[in-house]
PDB file of N, CA and C in Angstrom:
ATOM      1  N   MET A   1       0.817  -1.183   0.000  1.00  0.00           N
ATOM      2  CA  MET A   1       0.000   0.000   0.000  1.00  0.00           C
ATOM      3  C   MET A   1       0.872   1.263   0.000  1.00  0.00           C
ATOM      4  N   LYS A   2       1.986   1.248   0.744  1.00  0.00           N
ATOM      5  CA  LYS A   2       2.878   2.405   0.765  1.00  0.00           C
ATOM      6  C   LYS A   2       3.455   2.657  -0.618  1.00  0.00           C
ATOM      7  N   PHE A   3       3.781   1.602  -1.360  1.00  0.00           N
ATOM      8  CA  PHE A   3       4.339   1.737  -2.695  1.00  0.00           C
ATOM      9  C   PHE A   3       3.326   2.406  -3.622  1.00  0.00           C
ATOM     10  N   LEU A   4       2.062   2.029  -3.525  1.00  0.00           N
ATOM     11  CA  LEU A   4       1.016   2.606  -4.352  1.00  0.00           C
ATOM     12  C   LEU A   4       0.869   4.107  -4.061  1.00  0.00           C
ATOM     13  N   ALA A   5       0.896   4.495  -2.808  1.00  0.00           N
ATOM     14  CA  ALA A   5       0.778   5.895  -2.441  1.00  0.00           C
ATOM     15  C   ALA A   5       1.977   6.689  -2.958  1.00  0.00           C
ATOM     16  N   PHE A   6       3.181   6.111  -2.858  1.00  0.00           N
ATOM     17  CA  PHE A   6       4.378   6.772  -3.355  1.00  0.00           C
ATOM     18  C   PHE A   6       4.298   6.934  -4.867  1.00  0.00           C
ATOM     19  N   GLY A   7       3.832   5.905  -5.568  1.00  0.00           N
ATOM     20  CA  GLY A   7       3.700   5.959  -7.027  1.00  0.00           C
ATOM     21  C   GLY A   7       2.720   7.035  -7.455  1.00  0.00           C
ATOM     22  N   ALA A   8       1.618   7.159  -6.735  1.00  0.00           N
ATOM     23  CA  ALA A   8       0.624   8.184  -7.054  1.00  0.00           C
ATOM     24  C   ALA A   8       1.207   9.578  -6.825  1.00  0.00           C
ATOM     25  N   ALA A   9       1.940   9.737  -5.734  1.00  0.00           N
ATOM     26  CA  ALA A   9       2.553  11.036  -5.440  1.00  0.00           C
ATOM     27  C   ALA A   9       3.596  11.382  -6.497  1.00  0.00           C
ATOM     28  N   ALA A  10       4.386  10.412  -6.922  1.00  0.00           N
ATOM     29  CA  ALA A  10       5.407  10.648  -7.949  1.00  0.00           C
ATOM     30  C   ALA A  10       4.749  11.015  -9.279  1.00  0.00           C
ATOM     31  N   SER A  11       3.663  10.339  -9.619  1.00  0.00           N
ATOM     32  CA  SER A  11       2.946  10.653 -10.862  1.00  0.00           C
ATOM     33  C   SER A  11       2.384  12.066 -10.818  1.00  0.00           C
ATOM     34  N   LEU A  12       1.850  12.463  -9.676  1.00  0.00           N
ATOM     35  CA  LEU A  12       1.309  13.809  -9.522  1.00  0.00           C
ATOM     36  C   LEU A  12       2.424  14.845  -9.672  1.00  0.00           C
ATOM     37  N   ALA A  13       3.580  14.583  -9.103  1.00  0.00           N
ATOM     38  CA  ALA A  13       4.704  15.515  -9.205  1.00  0.00           C
ATOM     39  C   ALA A  13       5.155  15.670 -10.654  1.00  0.00           C
ATOM     40  N   VAL A  14       5.197  14.578 -11.413  1.00  0.00           N
ATOM     41  CA  VAL A  14       5.582  14.633 -12.825  1.00  0.00           C
ATOM     42  C   VAL A  14       4.551  15.422 -13.612  1.00  0.00           C
ATOM     43  N   LEU A  15       3.270  15.195 -13.334  1.00  0.00           N
ATOM     44  CA  LEU A  15       2.208  15.909 -14.025  1.00  0.00           C
ATOM     45  C   LEU A  15       2.277  17.407 -13.736  1.00  0.00           C
ATOM     46  N   LEU A  16       2.486  17.789 -12.495  1.00  0.00           N
ATOM     47  CA  LEU A  16       2.593  19.199 -12.140  1.00  0.00           C
ATOM     48  C   LEU A  16       3.826  19.828 -12.773  1.00  0.00           C
ATOM     49  N   GLY A  17       4.902  19.101 -12.849  1.00  0.00           N
ATOM     50  CA  GLY A  17       6.116  19.598 -13.499  1.00  0.00           C
ATOM     51  C   GLY A  17       5.891  19.827 -14.980  1.00  0.00           C
ATOM     52  N   ALA A  18       5.158  18.941 -15.638  1.00  0.00           N
ATOM     53  CA  ALA A  18       4.867  19.108 -17.054  1.00  0.00           C
ATOM     54  C   ALA A  18       3.983  20.323 -17.282  1.00  0.00           C
ATOM     55  N   THR A  19       3.032  20.561 -16.402  1.00  0.00           N
ATOM     56  CA  THR A  19       2.169  21.723 -16.531  1.00  0.00           C
ATOM     57  C   THR A  19       2.979  23.002 -16.388  1.00  0.00           C
ATOM     58  N   SER A  20       3.896  23.056 -15.441  1.00  0.00           N
ATOM     59  CA  SER A  20       4.719  24.246 -15.255  1.00  0.00           C
ATOM     60  C   SER A  20       5.637  24.480 -16.442  1.00  0.00           C
ATOM     61  N   ALA A  21       6.091  23.405 -17.060  1.00  0.00           N
ATOM     62  CA  ALA A  21       7.002  23.540 -18.194  1.00  0.00           C
ATOM     63  C   ALA A  21       6.302  24.170 -19.390  1.00  0.00           C
ATOM     64  N   MET A  22       4.974  24.019 -19.489  1.00  0.00           N
ATOM     65  CA  MET A  22       4.245  24.596 -20.605  1.00  0.00           C
ATOM     66  C   MET A  22       4.050  26.099 -20.419  1.00  0.00           C
ATOM     67  N   ALA A  23       4.171  26.586 -19.212  1.00  0.00           N
ATOM     68  CA  ALA A  23       4.003  28.006 -18.941  1.00  0.00           C
ATOM     69  C   ALA A  23       5.182  28.776 -19.533  1.00  0.00           C
ATOM     70  N   GLN A  24       4.912  30.014 -19.965  1.00  0.00           N
ATOM     71  CA  GLN A  24       5.934  30.790 -20.643  1.00  0.00           C
ATOM     72  C   GLN A  24       6.678  31.740 -19.723  1.00  0.00           C
ATOM     73  N   ASN A  25       7.942  31.856 -19.989  1.00  0.00           N
ATOM     74  CA  ASN A  25       8.787  32.888 -19.408  1.00  0.00           C
ATOM     75  C   ASN A  25       9.483  33.547 -20.578  1.00  0.00           C
ATOM     76  N   VAL A  26       9.261  34.838 -20.755  1.00  0.00           N
ATOM     77  CA  VAL A  26       9.763  35.548 -21.922  1.00  0.00           C
ATOM     78  C   VAL A  26      10.658  36.703 -21.469  1.00  0.00           C
ATOM     79  N   GLU A  27      11.812  36.807 -22.073  1.00  0.00           N
ATOM     80  CA  GLU A  27      12.736  37.904 -21.816  1.00  0.00           C
ATOM     81  C   GLU A  27      12.989  38.614 -23.136  1.00  0.00           C
ATOM     82  N   PHE A  28      12.896  39.945 -23.127  1.00  0.00           N
ATOM     83  CA  PHE A  28      13.130  40.693 -24.356  1.00  0.00           C
ATOM     84  C   PHE A  28      13.686  42.075 -24.022  1.00  0.00           C
ATOM     85  N   THR A  29      14.232  42.717 -25.039  1.00  0.00           N
ATOM     86  CA  THR A  29      14.770  44.061 -24.897  1.00  0.00           C
ATOM     87  C   THR A  29      13.676  45.066 -25.210  1.00  0.00           C
ATOM     88  N   LEU A  30      13.457  45.988 -24.279  1.00  0.00           N
ATOM     89  CA  LEU A  30      12.510  47.077 -24.487  1.00  0.00           C
ATOM     90  C   LEU A  30      13.305  48.340 -24.793  1.00  0.00           C
ATOM     91  N   THR A  31      13.076  48.916 -25.966  1.00  0.00           N
ATOM     92  CA  THR A  31      13.750  50.142 -26.380  1.00  0.00           C
ATOM     93  C   THR A  31      12.744  51.280 -26.362  1.00  0.00           C
ATOM     94  N   ASN A  32      13.094  52.344 -25.696  1.00  0.00           N
ATOM     95  CA  ASN A  32      12.213  53.498 -25.596  1.00  0.00           C
ATOM     96  C   ASN A  32      12.650  54.555 -26.601  1.00  0.00           C
ATOM     97  N   GLU A  33      11.996  54.589 -27.758  1.00  0.00           N
ATOM     98  CA  GLU A  33      12.254  55.624 -28.758  1.00  0.00           C
ATOM     99  C   GLU A  33      11.121  56.639 -28.783  1.00  0.00           C
ATOM    100  N   SER A  34      10.314  56.654 -27.731  1.00  0.00           N
ATOM    101  CA  SER A  34       9.268  57.661 -27.618  1.00  0.00           C
ATOM    102  C   SER A  34       9.890  58.938 -27.040  1.00  0.00           C
ATOM    103  N   SER A  35       9.093  59.977 -26.945  1.00  0.00           N
ATOM    104  CA  SER A  35       9.591  61.228 -26.359  1.00  0.00           C
ATOM    105  C   SER A  35       9.320  61.287 -24.861  1.00  0.00           C
ATOM    106  N   TYR A  36       8.910  60.157 -24.269  1.00  0.00           N
ATOM    107  CA  TYR A  36       8.538  60.106 -22.856  1.00  0.00           C
ATOM    108  C   TYR A  36       9.538  59.297 -22.029  1.00  0.00           C
ATOM    109  N   THR A  37       9.567  59.572 -20.736  1.00  0.00           N
ATOM    110  CA  THR A  37      10.303  58.750 -19.781  1.00  0.00           C
ATOM    111  C   THR A  37       9.323  57.714 -19.240  1.00  0.00           C
ATOM    112  N   LEU A  38       9.637  56.437 -19.424  1.00  0.00           N
ATOM    113  CA  LEU A  38       8.752  55.369 -18.950  1.00  0.00           C
ATOM    114  C   LEU A  38       9.022  55.111 -17.473  1.00  0.00           C
ATOM    115  N   THR A  39       7.979  55.178 -16.679  1.00  0.00           N
ATOM    116  CA  THR A  39       8.121  54.945 -15.239  1.00  0.00           C
ATOM    117  C   THR A  39       7.572  53.587 -14.827  1.00  0.00           C
ATOM    118  N   TYR A  40       6.563  53.107 -15.544  1.00  0.00           N
ATOM    119  CA  TYR A  40       5.970  51.796 -15.254  1.00  0.00           C
ATOM    120  C   TYR A  40       5.637  51.105 -16.565  1.00  0.00           C
ATOM    121  N   PHE A  41       5.770  49.773 -16.558  1.00  0.00           N
ATOM    122  CA  PHE A  41       5.408  48.971 -17.721  1.00  0.00           C
ATOM    123  C   PHE A  41       4.682  47.731 -17.228  1.00  0.00           C
ATOM    124  N   TYR A  42       3.486  47.538 -17.750  1.00  0.00           N
ATOM    125  CA  TYR A  42       2.667  46.380 -17.376  1.00  0.00           C
ATOM    126  C   TYR A  42       2.349  45.575 -18.628  1.00  0.00           C
ATOM    127  N   ALA A  43       2.215  44.279 -18.463  1.00  0.00           N
ATOM    128  CA  ALA A  43       1.819  43.408 -19.559  1.00  0.00           C
ATOM    129  C   ALA A  43       0.884  42.345 -19.006  1.00  0.00           C
ATOM    130  N   SER A  44      -0.115  42.006 -19.788  1.00  0.00           N
ATOM    131  CA  SER A  44      -1.017  40.937 -19.371  1.00  0.00           C
ATOM    132  C   SER A  44      -1.555  40.246 -20.613  1.00  0.00           C
ATOM    133  N   PRO A  45      -1.936  38.970 -20.471  1.00  0.00           N
ATOM    134  CA  PRO A  45      -2.566  38.299 -21.603  1.00  0.00           C
ATOM    135  C   PRO A  45      -3.750  39.137 -22.094  1.00  0.00           C
ATOM    136  N   SER A  46      -3.952  39.187 -23.396  1.00  0.00           N
ATOM    137  CA  SER A  46      -4.992  40.031 -23.977  1.00  0.00           C
ATOM    138  C   SER A  46      -6.389  39.709 -23.468  1.00  0.00           C
ATOM    139  N   ASP A  47      -6.604  38.480 -23.017  1.00  0.00           N
ATOM    140  CA  ASP A  47      -7.929  38.106 -22.517  1.00  0.00           C
ATOM    141  C   ASP A  47      -8.068  38.294 -21.002  1.00  0.00           C
ATOM    142  N   ASP A  48      -7.089  38.979 -20.382  1.00  0.00           N
ATOM    143  CA  ASP A  48      -7.096  39.220 -18.933  1.00  0.00           C
ATOM    144  C   ASP A  48      -7.415  40.692 -18.672  1.00  0.00           C
ATOM    145  N   ASP A  49      -8.188  40.970 -17.630  1.00  0.00           N
ATOM    146  CA  ASP A  49      -8.575  42.340 -17.315  1.00  0.00           C
ATOM    147  C   ASP A  49      -7.642  43.040 -16.335  1.00  0.00           C
ATOM    148  N   SER A  50      -6.701  42.337 -15.739  1.00  0.00           N
ATOM    149  CA  SER A  50      -5.806  42.957 -14.757  1.00  0.00           C
ATOM    150  C   SER A  50      -4.397  43.085 -15.347  1.00  0.00           C
ATOM    151  N   TRP A  51      -3.659  44.090 -14.886  1.00  0.00           N
ATOM    152  CA  TRP A  51      -2.340  44.367 -15.438  1.00  0.00           C
ATOM    153  C   TRP A  51      -1.205  43.657 -14.724  1.00  0.00           C
ATOM    154  N   GLY A  52      -1.354  43.288 -13.495  1.00  0.00           N
ATOM    155  CA  GLY A  52      -0.264  42.617 -12.798  1.00  0.00           C
ATOM    156  C   GLY A  52       0.787  43.595 -12.298  1.00  0.00           C
ATOM    157  N   GLU A  53       2.014  43.096 -12.131  1.00  0.00           N
ATOM    158  CA  GLU A  53       3.094  43.878 -11.527  1.00  0.00           C
ATOM    159  C   GLU A  53       3.861  44.703 -12.555  1.00  0.00           C
ATOM    160  N   ASP A  54       4.523  45.749 -12.054  1.00  0.00           N
ATOM    161  CA  ASP A  54       5.360  46.602 -12.880  1.00  0.00           C
ATOM    162  C   ASP A  54       6.586  45.826 -13.347  1.00  0.00           C
ATOM    163  N   LEU A  55       6.776  45.749 -14.657  1.00  0.00           N
ATOM    164  CA  LEU A  55       7.901  44.995 -15.217  1.00  0.00           C
ATOM    165  C   LEU A  55       9.180  45.824 -15.318  1.00  0.00           C
ATOM    166  N   LEU A  56       9.099  47.102 -14.991  1.00  0.00           N
ATOM    167  CA  LEU A  56      10.294  47.950 -14.981  1.00  0.00           C
ATOM    168  C   LEU A  56      10.915  48.053 -13.594  1.00  0.00           C
ATOM    169  N   SER A  57      10.380  47.321 -12.643  1.00  0.00           N
ATOM    170  CA  SER A  57      10.884  47.458 -11.273  1.00  0.00           C
ATOM    171  C   SER A  57      12.378  47.126 -11.174  1.00  0.00           C
ATOM    172  N   GLU A  58      12.870  46.192 -11.969  1.00  0.00           N
ATOM    173  CA  GLU A  58      14.299  45.853 -11.974  1.00  0.00           C
ATOM    174  C   GLU A  58      15.124  46.898 -12.716  1.00  0.00           C
ATOM    175  N   VAL A  59      14.539  47.467 -13.760  1.00  0.00           N
ATOM    176  CA  VAL A  59      15.241  48.428 -14.610  1.00  0.00           C
ATOM    177  C   VAL A  59      15.190  49.837 -14.014  1.00  0.00           C
ATOM    178  N   GLY A  60      14.090  50.157 -13.342  1.00  0.00           N
ATOM    179  CA  GLY A  60      13.841  51.532 -12.876  1.00  0.00           C
ATOM    180  C   GLY A  60      13.115  52.278 -13.971  1.00  0.00           C
ATOM    181  N   VAL A  61      13.370  53.549 -14.110  1.00  0.00           N
ATOM    182  CA  VAL A  61      12.750  54.289 -15.208  1.00  0.00           C
ATOM    183  C   VAL A  61      13.550  54.045 -16.485  1.00  0.00           C
ATOM    184  N   LEU A  62      12.875  54.217 -17.606  1.00  0.00           N
ATOM    185  CA  LEU A  62      13.541  54.040 -18.896  1.00  0.00           C
ATOM    186  C   LEU A  62      13.406  55.341 -19.680  1.00  0.00           C
ATOM    187  N   GLU A  63      14.500  56.102 -19.680  1.00  0.00           N
ATOM    188  CA  GLU A  63      14.521  57.398 -20.360  1.00  0.00           C
ATOM    189  C   GLU A  63      14.394  57.204 -21.873  1.00  0.00           C
ATOM    190  N   SER A  64      13.946  58.255 -22.542  1.00  0.00           N
ATOM    191  CA  SER A  64      13.875  58.261 -23.995  1.00  0.00           C
ATOM    192  C   SER A  64      15.269  57.996 -24.567  1.00  0.00           C
ATOM    193  N   GLY A  65      15.348  57.083 -25.544  1.00  0.00           N
ATOM    194  CA  GLY A  65      16.629  56.766 -26.173  1.00  0.00           C
ATOM    195  C   GLY A  65      17.377  55.617 -25.519  1.00  0.00           C
ATOM    196  N   TYR A  66      16.836  55.051 -24.449  1.00  0.00           N
ATOM    197  CA  TYR A  66      17.510  53.957 -23.737  1.00  0.00           C
ATOM    198  C   TYR A  66      16.740  52.651 -23.896  1.00  0.00           C
ATOM    199  N   GLU A  67      17.398  51.570 -23.517  1.00  0.00           N
ATOM    200  CA  GLU A  67      16.763  50.249 -23.556  1.00  0.00           C
ATOM    201  C   GLU A  67      17.068  49.494 -22.272  1.00  0.00           C
ATOM    202  N   GLY A  68      16.249  48.484 -22.020  1.00  0.00           N
ATOM    203  CA  GLY A  68      16.432  47.641 -20.849  1.00  0.00           C
ATOM    204  C   GLY A  68      15.863  46.259 -21.117  1.00  0.00           C
ATOM    205  N   THR A  69      16.264  45.304 -20.320  1.00  0.00           N
ATOM    206  CA  THR A  69      15.759  43.939 -20.453  1.00  0.00           C
ATOM    207  C   THR A  69      14.540  43.765 -19.572  1.00  0.00           C
ATOM    208  N   VAL A  70      13.492  43.212 -20.155  1.00  0.00           N
ATOM    209  CA  VAL A  70      12.230  42.991 -19.458  1.00  0.00           C
ATOM    210  C   VAL A  70      11.951  41.493 -19.430  1.00  0.00           C
ATOM    211  N   PHE A  71      11.417  41.036 -18.316  1.00  0.00           N
ATOM    212  CA  PHE A  71      11.119  39.613 -18.128  1.00  0.00           C
ATOM    213  C   PHE A  71       9.644  39.453 -17.787  1.00  0.00           C
ATOM    214  N   ILE A  72       8.927  38.669 -18.599  1.00  0.00           N
ATOM    215  CA  ILE A  72       7.539  38.317 -18.294  1.00  0.00           C
ATOM    216  C   ILE A  72       7.555  36.862 -17.856  1.00  0.00           C
ATOM    217  N   GLY A  73       7.330  36.633 -16.591  1.00  0.00           N
ATOM    218  CA  GLY A  73       7.361  35.280 -16.036  1.00  0.00           C
ATOM    219  C   GLY A  73       6.098  34.990 -15.256  1.00  0.00           C
ATOM    220  N   ASP A  74       4.952  35.281 -15.859  1.00  0.00           N
ATOM    221  CA  ASP A  74       3.688  35.119 -15.144  1.00  0.00           C
ATOM    222  C   ASP A  74       3.099  33.719 -15.253  1.00  0.00           C
ATOM    223  N   GLY A  75       3.766  32.825 -15.970  1.00  0.00           N
ATOM    224  CA  GLY A  75       3.310  31.444 -16.058  1.00  0.00           C
ATOM    225  C   GLY A  75       2.176  31.204 -17.033  1.00  0.00           C
ATOM    226  N   SER A  76       1.787  32.221 -17.771  1.00  0.00           N
ATOM    227  CA  SER A  76       0.696  32.071 -18.730  1.00  0.00           C
ATOM    228  C   SER A  76       1.187  31.299 -19.951  1.00  0.00           C
ATOM    229  N   ASP A  77       0.274  30.590 -20.603  1.00  0.00           N
ATOM    230  CA  ASP A  77       0.620  29.907 -21.849  1.00  0.00           C
ATOM    231  C   ASP A  77       0.084  30.679 -23.059  1.00  0.00           C
ATOM    232  N   GLN A  78      -0.335  31.922 -22.831  1.00  0.00           N
ATOM    233  CA  GLN A  78      -0.853  32.782 -23.893  1.00  0.00           C
ATOM    234  C   GLN A  78       0.292  33.418 -24.676  1.00  0.00           C
ATOM    235  N   CYS A  79       0.037  33.729 -25.942  1.00  0.00           N
ATOM    236  CA  CYS A  79       1.027  34.443 -26.748  1.00  0.00           C
ATOM    237  C   CYS A  79       0.675  35.912 -26.939  1.00  0.00           C
ATOM    238  N   LEU A  80      -0.610  36.238 -27.011  1.00  0.00           N
ATOM    239  CA  LEU A  80      -1.016  37.615 -27.249  1.00  0.00           C
ATOM    240  C   LEU A  80      -1.154  38.364 -25.928  1.00  0.00           C
ATOM    241  N   TYR A  81      -0.374  39.438 -25.810  1.00  0.00           N
ATOM    242  CA  TYR A  81      -0.357  40.259 -24.605  1.00  0.00           C
ATOM    243  C   TYR A  81      -0.654  41.702 -24.958  1.00  0.00           C
ATOM    244  N   ASP A  82      -1.263  42.407 -24.009  1.00  0.00           N
ATOM    245  CA  ASP A  82      -1.438  43.845 -24.111  1.00  0.00           C
ATOM    246  C   ASP A  82      -0.377  44.497 -23.237  1.00  0.00           C
ATOM    247  N   PHE A  83       0.176  45.617 -23.704  1.00  0.00           N
ATOM    248  CA  PHE A  83       1.191  46.362 -22.965  1.00  0.00           C
ATOM    249  C   PHE A  83       0.602  47.698 -22.525  1.00  0.00           C
ATOM    250  N   ARG A  84       0.998  48.126 -21.340  1.00  0.00           N
ATOM    251  CA  ARG A  84       0.608  49.452 -20.833  1.00  0.00           C
ATOM    252  C   ARG A  84       1.851  50.139 -20.274  1.00  0.00           C
ATOM    253  N   PHE A  85       2.100  51.339 -20.754  1.00  0.00           N
ATOM    254  CA  PHE A  85       3.237  52.138 -20.321  1.00  0.00           C
ATOM    255  C   PHE A  85       2.728  53.384 -19.618  1.00  0.00           C
ATOM    256  N   GLU A  86       3.271  53.684 -18.440  1.00  0.00           N
ATOM    257  CA  GLU A  86       2.971  54.936 -17.756  1.00  0.00           C
ATOM    258  C   GLU A  86       4.225  55.791 -17.830  1.00  0.00           C
ATOM    259  N   THR A  87       4.022  57.074 -18.032  1.00  0.00           N
ATOM    260  CA  THR A  87       5.153  57.972 -18.266  1.00  0.00           C
ATOM    261  C   THR A  87       5.267  59.027 -17.165  1.00  0.00           C
ATOM    262  N   ALA A  88       6.458  59.577 -17.026  1.00  0.00           N
ATOM    263  CA  ALA A  88       6.700  60.649 -16.055  1.00  0.00           C
ATOM    264  C   ALA A  88       5.974  61.920 -16.470  1.00  0.00           C
ATOM    265  N   GLU A  89       5.738  62.069 -17.758  1.00  0.00           N
ATOM    266  CA  GLU A  89       5.102  63.276 -18.280  1.00  0.00           C
ATOM    267  C   GLU A  89       3.576  63.224 -18.196  1.00  0.00           C
ATOM    268  N   GLY A  90       3.016  62.057 -17.867  1.00  0.00           N
ATOM    269  CA  GLY A  90       1.576  61.955 -17.683  1.00  0.00           C
ATOM    270  C   GLY A  90       0.831  60.986 -18.569  1.00  0.00           C
ATOM    271  N   PRO A  91       1.085  60.965 -19.870  1.00  0.00           N
ATOM    272  CA  PRO A  91       0.287  60.062 -20.714  1.00  0.00           C
ATOM    273  C   PRO A  91       0.503  58.588 -20.375  1.00  0.00           C
ATOM    274  N   GLU A  92      -0.548  57.824 -20.532  1.00  0.00           N
ATOM    275  CA  GLU A  92      -0.480  56.357 -20.429  1.00  0.00           C
ATOM    276  C   GLU A  92      -0.661  55.820 -21.833  1.00  0.00           C
ATOM    277  N   LEU A  93       0.255  54.968 -22.255  1.00  0.00           N
ATOM    278  CA  LEU A  93       0.238  54.430 -23.605  1.00  0.00           C
ATOM    279  C   LEU A  93      -0.112  52.952 -23.532  1.00  0.00           C
ATOM    280  N   GLU A  94      -1.066  52.508 -24.362  1.00  0.00           N
ATOM    281  CA  GLU A  94      -1.443  51.099 -24.388  1.00  0.00           C
ATOM    282  C   GLU A  94      -1.325  50.558 -25.797  1.00  0.00           C
ATOM    283  N   VAL A  95      -0.806  49.347 -25.889  1.00  0.00           N
ATOM    284  CA  VAL A  95      -0.642  48.662 -27.159  1.00  0.00           C
ATOM    285  C   VAL A  95      -1.270  47.279 -26.989  1.00  0.00           C
ATOM    286  N   ALA A  96      -2.150  46.899 -27.914  1.00  0.00           N
ATOM    287  CA  ALA A  96      -2.882  45.638 -27.788  1.00  0.00           C
ATOM    288  C   ALA A  96      -2.294  44.552 -28.684  1.00  0.00           C
ATOM    289  N   ALA A  97      -2.465  43.319 -28.231  1.00  0.00           N
ATOM    290  CA  ALA A  97      -2.215  42.106 -29.020  1.00  0.00           C
ATOM    291  C   ALA A  97      -0.792  41.989 -29.568  1.00  0.00           C
ATOM    292  N   ILE A  98       0.194  42.054 -28.691  1.00  0.00           N
ATOM    293  CA  ILE A  98       1.592  41.823 -29.063  1.00  0.00           C
ATOM    294  C   ILE A  98       1.871  40.337 -28.895  1.00  0.00           C
ATOM    295  N   ASP A  99       2.439  39.700 -29.916  1.00  0.00           N
ATOM    296  CA  ASP A  99       2.765  38.271 -29.852  1.00  0.00           C
ATOM    297  C   ASP A  99       4.112  38.101 -29.146  1.00  0.00           C
ATOM    298  N   ILE A 100       4.079  37.790 -27.845  1.00  0.00           N
ATOM    299  CA  ILE A 100       5.327  37.661 -27.090  1.00  0.00           C
ATOM    300  C   ILE A 100       6.031  36.343 -27.359  1.00  0.00           C
ATOM    301  N   CYS A 101       5.348  35.387 -27.989  1.00  0.00           N
ATOM    302  CA  CYS A 101       5.983  34.100 -28.295  1.00  0.00           C
ATOM    303  C   CYS A 101       7.086  34.263 -29.342  1.00  0.00           C
ATOM    304  N   ALA A 102       6.968  35.286 -30.169  1.00  0.00           N
ATOM    305  CA  ALA A 102       7.946  35.531 -31.224  1.00  0.00           C
ATOM    306  C   ALA A 102       8.735  36.820 -30.978  1.00  0.00           C
ATOM    307  N   LEU A 103       8.753  37.282 -29.736  1.00  0.00           N
ATOM    308  CA  LEU A 103       9.319  38.588 -29.420  1.00  0.00           C
ATOM    309  C   LEU A 103      10.745  38.477 -28.886  1.00  0.00           C
ATOM    310  N   ASP A 104      11.684  39.134 -29.565  1.00  0.00           N
ATOM    311  CA  ASP A 104      13.057  39.265 -29.062  1.00  0.00           C
ATOM    312  C   ASP A 104      13.286  40.671 -28.526  1.00  0.00           C
ATOM    313  N   SER A 105      12.574  41.644 -29.145  1.00  0.00           N
ATOM    314  CA  SER A 105      12.693  43.024 -28.716  1.00  0.00           C
ATOM    315  C   SER A 105      11.407  43.757 -29.057  1.00  0.00           C
ATOM    316  N   TYR A 106      11.205  44.847 -28.341  1.00  0.00           N
ATOM    317  CA  TYR A 106      10.034  45.700 -28.617  1.00  0.00           C
ATOM    318  C   TYR A 106      10.503  47.144 -28.506  1.00  0.00           C
ATOM    319  N   THR A 107      10.125  47.946 -29.501  1.00  0.00           N
ATOM    320  CA  THR A 107      10.494  49.359 -29.513  1.00  0.00           C
ATOM    321  C   THR A 107       9.233  50.198 -29.396  1.00  0.00           C
ATOM    322  N   LEU A 108       9.205  51.043 -28.381  1.00  0.00           N
ATOM    323  CA  LEU A 108       8.088  51.961 -28.196  1.00  0.00           C
ATOM    324  C   LEU A 108       8.424  53.283 -28.868  1.00  0.00           C
ATOM    325  N   THR A 109       7.524  53.732 -29.734  1.00  0.00           N
ATOM    326  CA  THR A 109       7.678  55.019 -30.415  1.00  0.00           C
ATOM    327  C   THR A 109       6.420  55.841 -30.148  1.00  0.00           C
ATOM    328  N   ASP A 110       6.483  57.119 -30.485  1.00  0.00           N
ATOM    329  CA  ASP A 110       5.306  57.999 -30.336  1.00  0.00           C
ATOM    330  C   ASP A 110       4.260  57.664 -31.379  1.00  0.00           C
TER     331      ASP A 110
END
């Protein structure tokens, strides 16, 4: 009986590991070619209503003309994401339906 319980637990662990492996972690270069200083950057799957955490927290602010590495590690298996940028100057910029599965870099322009 102990062997059966151990086997079931091991199978569950393998199944959970496979599920986690399907989740996406994406790293890309964000280049700010807009005329704004980016203070916050949020990304979420396009079918999600919440923005989640600030992805610039590691980078800090991103001045116009600079770039930084951004990491999306929310565990989603979605490819289409919406981006939201908040700026020091006031405007909030939103871009819909970016395919992060094929993304190596993203450049924000005015």
